[in-house]
Amino acid sequence: MMAAMLYPNRRVMAVCGDGGFMMNSQEMETAVRLKLNLVVLILDDGAYGMIRWKQAVDAFPDFGLTFGNPDFVKYAESYGAKGARVEAMVELVPTLEAAFKSGGVHLIAVPIDYSENTRVLVEELRSRMPSASQA
């Protein structure tokens, strides 16, 4: 929000995971009240994805990391912001451009599937790292 206040003529976007966003989502009210030009892009996977990844790397069980989200479009609208949900990759850039062009506070939810990250960031990394027993 401070970037939008300091640079009102620049494009300002916050990129948040859904879990992190919900921890401080009430700040949408502040952004709307201050009439900021701000786009909030939510990576929506219904989980604490970064914590899940860190726990998977250390072979901890996946426990208590998923949750249900509100309808982010309606949530934004309840604060007086504009909401959108991107359903296909081809919609992302036009949705962002429209939000920046129209000004005000926009919340854009983007569904994310991190399953490929598990393969690359957990399984492949683990296979390339020497085990502690070999050290």
N, C-alpha and C. Protein backbone atom coordinates (compact mmCIF):
# COMPACT_ATOMS: atom_id res chain seq x y z
N MET A 1 0.83 -1.19 0.00
CA MET A 1 0.00 0.00 0.00
C MET A 1 0.88 1.25 0.00
N MET A 2 1.99 1.19 0.69
CA MET A 2 2.86 2.37 0.73
C MET A 2 3.41 2.70 -0.65
N ALA A 3 3.75 1.67 -1.43
CA ALA A 3 4.23 1.93 -2.79
C ALA A 3 3.16 2.65 -3.60
N ALA A 4 1.90 2.26 -3.45
CA ALA A 4 0.81 2.92 -4.17
C ALA A 4 0.63 4.35 -3.68
N MET A 5 0.88 4.59 -2.40
CA MET A 5 0.77 5.95 -1.86
C MET A 5 1.92 6.83 -2.34
N LEU A 6 3.12 6.29 -2.36
CA LEU A 6 4.29 7.07 -2.78
C LEU A 6 4.35 7.31 -4.28
N TYR A 7 3.86 6.35 -5.05
CA TYR A 7 3.94 6.42 -6.51
C TYR A 7 2.56 6.21 -7.13
N PRO A 8 1.65 7.16 -6.94
CA PRO A 8 0.26 6.96 -7.40
C PRO A 8 0.12 6.81 -8.91
N ASN A 9 1.10 7.21 -9.68
CA ASN A 9 1.00 7.09 -11.14
C ASN A 9 1.70 5.85 -11.68
N ARG A 10 2.23 5.01 -10.81
CA ARG A 10 2.87 3.77 -11.24
C ARG A 10 1.95 2.58 -11.01
N ARG A 11 2.22 1.53 -11.74
CA ARG A 11 1.50 0.28 -11.52
C ARG A 11 2.07 -0.39 -10.27
N VAL A 12 1.21 -0.69 -9.33
CA VAL A 12 1.63 -1.37 -8.10
C VAL A 12 0.83 -2.65 -7.96
N MET A 13 1.57 -3.74 -7.77
CA MET A 13 0.91 -5.03 -7.60
C MET A 13 1.56 -5.78 -6.45
N ALA A 14 0.72 -6.35 -5.61
CA ALA A 14 1.18 -7.25 -4.54
C ALA A 14 0.86 -8.67 -4.99
N VAL A 15 1.84 -9.56 -4.92
CA VAL A 15 1.63 -10.96 -5.25
C VAL A 15 1.67 -11.74 -3.95
N CYS A 16 0.58 -12.42 -3.63
CA CYS A 16 0.43 -13.08 -2.34
C CYS A 16 -0.06 -14.51 -2.52
N GLY A 17 0.37 -15.38 -1.65
CA GLY A 17 -0.28 -16.67 -1.54
C GLY A 17 -1.61 -16.47 -0.83
N ASP A 18 -2.52 -17.40 -1.00
CA ASP A 18 -3.84 -17.25 -0.37
C ASP A 18 -3.74 -17.27 1.15
N GLY A 19 -2.89 -18.12 1.71
CA GLY A 19 -2.74 -18.16 3.17
C GLY A 19 -2.19 -16.86 3.72
N GLY A 20 -1.13 -16.35 3.09
CA GLY A 20 -0.54 -15.09 3.53
C GLY A 20 -1.50 -13.93 3.37
N PHE A 21 -2.23 -13.91 2.26
CA PHE A 21 -3.20 -12.84 2.05
C PHE A 21 -4.25 -12.84 3.14
N MET A 22 -4.79 -14.01 3.48
CA MET A 22 -5.86 -14.07 4.46
C MET A 22 -5.39 -13.66 5.86
N MET A 23 -4.10 -13.73 6.12
CA MET A 23 -3.60 -13.30 7.43
C MET A 23 -3.76 -11.80 7.65
N ASN A 24 -3.82 -11.02 6.56
CA ASN A 24 -3.96 -9.57 6.67
C ASN A 24 -4.95 -9.01 5.66
N SER A 25 -5.90 -9.82 5.27
CA SER A 25 -6.81 -9.41 4.20
C SER A 25 -7.68 -8.21 4.56
N GLN A 26 -7.82 -7.93 5.84
CA GLN A 26 -8.63 -6.77 6.25
C GLN A 26 -8.03 -5.46 5.75
N GLU A 27 -6.79 -5.47 5.32
CA GLU A 27 -6.16 -4.26 4.78
C GLU A 27 -6.77 -3.83 3.45
N MET A 28 -7.60 -4.71 2.86
CA MET A 28 -8.34 -4.29 1.67
C MET A 28 -9.18 -3.06 2.00
N GLU A 29 -9.75 -3.04 3.19
CA GLU A 29 -10.57 -1.89 3.61
C GLU A 29 -9.74 -0.62 3.59
N THR A 30 -8.53 -0.69 4.10
CA THR A 30 -7.66 0.49 4.14
C THR A 30 -7.34 0.97 2.73
N ALA A 31 -6.98 0.04 1.86
CA ALA A 31 -6.63 0.41 0.49
C ALA A 31 -7.80 1.06 -0.23
N VAL A 32 -9.01 0.53 -0.02
CA VAL A 32 -10.20 1.10 -0.64
C VAL A 32 -10.50 2.48 -0.05
N ARG A 33 -10.43 2.57 1.28
CA ARG A 33 -10.72 3.84 1.94
C ARG A 33 -9.76 4.94 1.49
N LEU A 34 -8.49 4.59 1.28
CA LEU A 34 -7.49 5.57 0.84
C LEU A 34 -7.53 5.81 -0.66
N LYS A 35 -8.43 5.11 -1.35
CA LYS A 35 -8.60 5.26 -2.81
C LYS A 35 -7.29 5.00 -3.56
N LEU A 36 -6.61 3.92 -3.16
CA LEU A 36 -5.34 3.58 -3.80
C LEU A 36 -5.57 2.89 -5.14
N ASN A 37 -4.57 2.97 -5.98
CA ASN A 37 -4.52 2.17 -7.20
C ASN A 37 -3.61 1.00 -6.89
N LEU A 38 -4.21 -0.17 -6.69
CA LEU A 38 -3.46 -1.33 -6.23
C LEU A 38 -4.10 -2.60 -6.78
N VAL A 39 -3.26 -3.47 -7.32
CA VAL A 39 -3.71 -4.78 -7.77
C VAL A 39 -3.10 -5.82 -6.84
N VAL A 40 -3.95 -6.68 -6.31
CA VAL A 40 -3.50 -7.77 -5.44
C VAL A 40 -3.74 -9.07 -6.21
N LEU A 41 -2.67 -9.78 -6.52
CA LEU A 41 -2.74 -11.05 -7.23
C LEU A 41 -2.57 -12.16 -6.22
N ILE A 42 -3.58 -13.01 -6.10
CA ILE A 42 -3.55 -14.10 -5.12
C ILE A 42 -3.28 -15.42 -5.84
N LEU A 43 -2.22 -16.11 -5.41
CA LEU A 43 -1.92 -17.46 -5.89
C LEU A 43 -2.71 -18.41 -5.01
N ASP A 44 -3.78 -18.94 -5.54
CA ASP A 44 -4.78 -19.68 -4.77
C ASP A 44 -4.59 -21.19 -4.92
N ASP A 45 -4.01 -21.81 -3.89
CA ASP A 45 -3.86 -23.27 -3.89
C ASP A 45 -4.57 -23.92 -2.71
N GLY A 46 -5.24 -23.11 -1.88
CA GLY A 46 -5.98 -23.66 -0.75
C GLY A 46 -5.08 -24.31 0.29
N ALA A 47 -3.86 -23.79 0.41
CA ALA A 47 -2.92 -24.39 1.36
C ALA A 47 -1.81 -23.40 1.70
N TYR A 48 -1.10 -23.69 2.76
CA TYR A 48 0.11 -22.96 3.07
C TYR A 48 1.23 -23.60 2.25
N GLY A 49 1.32 -23.21 0.98
CA GLY A 49 2.19 -23.88 0.02
C GLY A 49 3.66 -23.84 0.38
N MET A 50 4.18 -22.70 0.83
CA MET A 50 5.60 -22.60 1.16
C MET A 50 5.93 -23.47 2.36
N ILE A 51 5.07 -23.47 3.35
CA ILE A 51 5.30 -24.33 4.53
C ILE A 51 5.22 -25.79 4.12
N ARG A 52 4.27 -26.13 3.26
CA ARG A 52 4.14 -27.50 2.77
C ARG A 52 5.43 -27.93 2.07
N TRP A 53 5.96 -27.07 1.21
CA TRP A 53 7.18 -27.40 0.49
C TRP A 53 8.35 -27.60 1.47
N LYS A 54 8.50 -26.69 2.42
CA LYS A 54 9.60 -26.82 3.39
C LYS A 54 9.47 -28.10 4.21
N GLN A 55 8.25 -28.43 4.60
CA GLN A 55 8.05 -29.66 5.38
C GLN A 55 8.33 -30.90 4.53
N ALA A 56 7.94 -30.86 3.26
CA ALA A 56 8.18 -32.00 2.38
C ALA A 56 9.67 -32.22 2.17
N VAL A 57 10.44 -31.13 2.04
CA VAL A 57 11.89 -31.24 1.88
C VAL A 57 12.51 -31.97 3.06
N ASP A 58 12.00 -31.72 4.24
CA ASP A 58 12.53 -32.36 5.45
C ASP A 58 11.80 -33.64 5.81
N ALA A 59 10.99 -34.14 4.90
CA ALA A 59 10.27 -35.41 5.06
C ALA A 59 9.28 -35.42 6.23
N PHE A 60 8.73 -34.25 6.55
CA PHE A 60 7.68 -34.18 7.57
C PHE A 60 6.35 -34.52 6.92
N PRO A 61 5.43 -35.08 7.67
CA PRO A 61 4.12 -35.40 7.09
C PRO A 61 3.35 -34.12 6.75
N ASP A 62 2.50 -34.22 5.74
CA ASP A 62 1.66 -33.11 5.34
C ASP A 62 0.44 -33.11 6.26
N PHE A 63 0.44 -32.20 7.22
CA PHE A 63 -0.63 -32.17 8.20
C PHE A 63 -1.04 -30.73 8.48
N GLY A 64 -2.34 -30.45 8.40
CA GLY A 64 -2.88 -29.15 8.79
C GLY A 64 -2.51 -28.00 7.89
N LEU A 65 -2.19 -28.26 6.63
CA LEU A 65 -1.72 -27.20 5.75
C LEU A 65 -2.74 -26.78 4.70
N THR A 66 -3.86 -27.49 4.61
CA THR A 66 -4.88 -27.11 3.64
C THR A 66 -6.04 -26.42 4.36
N PHE A 67 -6.74 -25.59 3.62
CA PHE A 67 -7.86 -24.83 4.20
C PHE A 67 -8.81 -24.43 3.09
N GLY A 68 -10.00 -24.03 3.48
CA GLY A 68 -10.98 -23.51 2.52
C GLY A 68 -10.86 -22.00 2.43
N ASN A 69 -10.99 -21.49 1.25
CA ASN A 69 -10.93 -20.04 1.03
C ASN A 69 -12.32 -19.47 0.80
N PRO A 70 -12.47 -18.18 1.06
CA PRO A 70 -13.72 -17.54 0.66
C PRO A 70 -13.73 -17.37 -0.85
N ASP A 71 -14.85 -16.97 -1.39
CA ASP A 71 -14.93 -16.57 -2.79
C ASP A 71 -14.22 -15.23 -2.86
N PHE A 72 -13.00 -15.21 -3.42
CA PHE A 72 -12.19 -13.99 -3.40
C PHE A 72 -12.81 -12.84 -4.17
N VAL A 73 -13.57 -13.13 -5.21
CA VAL A 73 -14.24 -12.05 -5.97
C VAL A 73 -15.26 -11.37 -5.07
N LYS A 74 -16.10 -12.15 -4.42
CA LYS A 74 -17.10 -11.57 -3.51
C LYS A 74 -16.43 -10.90 -2.31
N TYR A 75 -15.34 -11.49 -1.84
CA TYR A 75 -14.61 -10.91 -0.71
C TYR A 75 -14.13 -9.51 -1.06
N ALA A 76 -13.51 -9.37 -2.23
CA ALA A 76 -13.05 -8.04 -2.67
C ALA A 76 -14.21 -7.07 -2.77
N GLU A 77 -15.29 -7.52 -3.38
CA GLU A 77 -16.46 -6.65 -3.55
C GLU A 77 -17.06 -6.24 -2.22
N SER A 78 -16.95 -7.10 -1.21
CA SER A 78 -17.52 -6.74 0.10
C SER A 78 -16.77 -5.57 0.73
N TYR A 79 -15.55 -5.33 0.31
CA TYR A 79 -14.78 -4.18 0.79
C TYR A 79 -14.88 -2.98 -0.15
N GLY A 80 -15.58 -3.13 -1.26
CA GLY A 80 -15.68 -2.05 -2.23
C GLY A 80 -14.59 -2.09 -3.29
N ALA A 81 -13.83 -3.17 -3.33
CA ALA A 81 -12.81 -3.36 -4.36
C ALA A 81 -13.43 -4.12 -5.52
N LYS A 82 -12.67 -4.28 -6.58
CA LYS A 82 -13.12 -5.07 -7.72
C LYS A 82 -12.42 -6.42 -7.66
N GLY A 83 -13.15 -7.48 -7.96
CA GLY A 83 -12.58 -8.82 -7.91
C GLY A 83 -12.68 -9.53 -9.24
N ALA A 84 -11.71 -10.41 -9.50
CA ALA A 84 -11.72 -11.23 -10.72
C ALA A 84 -11.04 -12.55 -10.40
N ARG A 85 -11.42 -13.56 -11.15
CA ARG A 85 -10.79 -14.87 -11.02
C ARG A 85 -10.34 -15.31 -12.41
N VAL A 86 -9.08 -15.62 -12.54
CA VAL A 86 -8.53 -16.08 -13.80
C VAL A 86 -8.73 -17.59 -13.88
N GLU A 87 -9.37 -18.06 -14.92
CA GLU A 87 -9.64 -19.49 -15.07
C GLU A 87 -8.72 -20.16 -16.08
N ALA A 88 -8.08 -19.38 -16.94
CA ALA A 88 -7.18 -19.92 -17.95
C ALA A 88 -5.99 -18.98 -18.10
N MET A 89 -4.85 -19.53 -18.43
CA MET A 89 -3.63 -18.75 -18.53
C MET A 89 -3.76 -17.56 -19.50
N VAL A 90 -4.49 -17.75 -20.57
CA VAL A 90 -4.64 -16.68 -21.56
C VAL A 90 -5.41 -15.48 -21.00
N GLU A 91 -6.11 -15.66 -19.89
CA GLU A 91 -6.87 -14.57 -19.27
C GLU A 91 -6.01 -13.69 -18.36
N LEU A 92 -4.84 -14.17 -17.95
CA LEU A 92 -4.06 -13.47 -16.93
C LEU A 92 -3.64 -12.07 -17.36
N VAL A 93 -2.94 -11.93 -18.46
CA VAL A 93 -2.45 -10.62 -18.88
C VAL A 93 -3.60 -9.66 -19.17
N PRO A 94 -4.63 -10.05 -19.91
CA PRO A 94 -5.74 -9.11 -20.13
C PRO A 94 -6.43 -8.69 -18.83
N THR A 95 -6.55 -9.61 -17.89
CA THR A 95 -7.18 -9.27 -16.60
C THR A 95 -6.33 -8.28 -15.84
N LEU A 96 -5.02 -8.49 -15.81
CA LEU A 96 -4.12 -7.54 -15.15
C LEU A 96 -4.15 -6.18 -15.83
N GLU A 97 -4.09 -6.17 -17.15
CA GLU A 97 -4.10 -4.90 -17.89
C GLU A 97 -5.39 -4.13 -17.62
N ALA A 98 -6.51 -4.81 -17.61
CA ALA A 98 -7.79 -4.15 -17.34
C ALA A 98 -7.82 -3.56 -15.94
N ALA A 99 -7.27 -4.30 -14.97
CA ALA A 99 -7.24 -3.80 -13.59
C ALA A 99 -6.38 -2.55 -13.48
N PHE A 100 -5.19 -2.58 -14.07
CA PHE A 100 -4.32 -1.41 -14.00
C PHE A 100 -4.94 -0.22 -14.72
N LYS A 101 -5.59 -0.47 -15.84
CA LYS A 101 -6.18 0.61 -16.63
C LYS A 101 -7.33 1.29 -15.91
N SER A 102 -8.15 0.50 -15.21
CA SER A 102 -9.34 1.09 -14.60
C SER A 102 -9.06 1.75 -13.25
N GLY A 103 -7.93 1.45 -12.63
CA GLY A 103 -7.58 2.08 -11.35
C GLY A 103 -8.40 1.54 -10.20
N GLY A 104 -8.06 1.97 -9.02
CA GLY A 104 -8.73 1.50 -7.82
C GLY A 104 -8.08 0.24 -7.29
N VAL A 105 -8.75 -0.41 -6.37
CA VAL A 105 -8.23 -1.63 -5.74
C VAL A 105 -8.84 -2.84 -6.43
N HIS A 106 -7.99 -3.74 -6.88
CA HIS A 106 -8.41 -4.96 -7.57
C HIS A 106 -7.79 -6.16 -6.89
N LEU A 107 -8.57 -7.20 -6.74
CA LEU A 107 -8.08 -8.48 -6.24
C LEU A 107 -8.29 -9.49 -7.36
N ILE A 108 -7.22 -10.16 -7.78
CA ILE A 108 -7.30 -11.14 -8.86
C ILE A 108 -6.83 -12.48 -8.31
N ALA A 109 -7.71 -13.45 -8.29
CA ALA A 109 -7.38 -14.79 -7.80
C ALA A 109 -6.97 -15.67 -8.97
N VAL A 110 -5.85 -16.35 -8.80
CA VAL A 110 -5.33 -17.25 -9.83
C VAL A 110 -5.14 -18.63 -9.22
N PRO A 111 -5.91 -19.62 -9.67
CA PRO A 111 -5.72 -20.97 -9.15
C PRO A 111 -4.34 -21.50 -9.54
N ILE A 112 -3.67 -22.12 -8.59
CA ILE A 112 -2.31 -22.62 -8.80
C ILE A 112 -2.26 -24.10 -8.44
N ASP A 113 -1.58 -24.88 -9.26
CA ASP A 113 -1.34 -26.29 -8.96
C ASP A 113 0.16 -26.46 -8.78
N TYR A 114 0.57 -26.72 -7.55
CA TYR A 114 1.99 -26.83 -7.24
C TYR A 114 2.52 -28.25 -7.34
N SER A 115 1.76 -29.17 -7.90
CA SER A 115 2.20 -30.56 -7.92
C SER A 115 3.52 -30.75 -8.67
N GLU A 116 3.75 -29.98 -9.72
CA GLU A 116 5.02 -30.09 -10.45
C GLU A 116 6.18 -29.59 -9.59
N ASN A 117 5.90 -28.61 -8.72
CA ASN A 117 6.95 -28.13 -7.82
C ASN A 117 7.45 -29.23 -6.91
N THR A 118 6.57 -30.11 -6.47
CA THR A 118 6.98 -31.21 -5.60
C THR A 118 8.00 -32.09 -6.32
N ARG A 119 7.71 -32.40 -7.57
CA ARG A 119 8.65 -33.23 -8.33
C ARG A 119 10.00 -32.54 -8.46
N VAL A 120 9.99 -31.27 -8.84
CA VAL A 120 11.24 -30.55 -9.11
C VAL A 120 11.95 -30.14 -7.83
N LEU A 121 11.21 -29.54 -6.89
CA LEU A 121 11.84 -28.94 -5.71
C LEU A 121 12.03 -29.89 -4.54
N VAL A 122 11.39 -31.04 -4.57
CA VAL A 122 11.57 -31.99 -3.47
C VAL A 122 12.26 -33.25 -3.98
N GLU A 123 11.60 -33.94 -4.90
CA GLU A 123 12.10 -35.25 -5.34
C GLU A 123 13.42 -35.13 -6.10
N GLU A 124 13.49 -34.22 -7.08
CA GLU A 124 14.74 -34.10 -7.85
C GLU A 124 15.87 -33.53 -7.00
N LEU A 125 15.58 -32.55 -6.16
CA LEU A 125 16.63 -32.01 -5.29
C LEU A 125 17.15 -33.08 -4.34
N ARG A 126 16.24 -33.85 -3.76
CA ARG A 126 16.65 -34.90 -2.84
C ARG A 126 17.55 -35.92 -3.54
N SER A 127 17.23 -36.24 -4.79
CA SER A 127 18.02 -37.24 -5.51
C SER A 127 19.40 -36.72 -5.89
N ARG A 128 19.57 -35.40 -5.93
CA ARG A 128 20.87 -34.81 -6.29
C ARG A 128 21.73 -34.46 -5.08
N MET A 129 21.14 -34.49 -3.91
CA MET A 129 21.88 -34.13 -2.69
C MET A 129 22.46 -35.39 -2.05
N PRO A 130 23.73 -35.33 -1.65
CA PRO A 130 24.27 -36.49 -0.93
C PRO A 130 23.55 -36.61 0.40
N SER A 131 23.25 -37.84 0.78
CA SER A 131 22.56 -38.03 2.05
C SER A 131 23.51 -37.76 3.20
N ALA A 132 22.95 -37.49 4.34
CA ALA A 132 23.76 -37.17 5.53
C ALA A 132 24.65 -38.35 5.91
N SER A 133 24.20 -39.56 5.58
CA SER A 133 24.99 -40.73 5.94
C SER A 133 26.25 -40.86 5.07
N GLN A 134 26.25 -40.23 3.90
CA GLN A 134 27.41 -40.28 3.02
C GLN A 134 28.42 -39.20 3.36
N ALA A 135 28.03 -38.23 4.12
CA ALA A 135 28.91 -37.09 4.40
C ALA A 135 30.00 -37.45 5.38
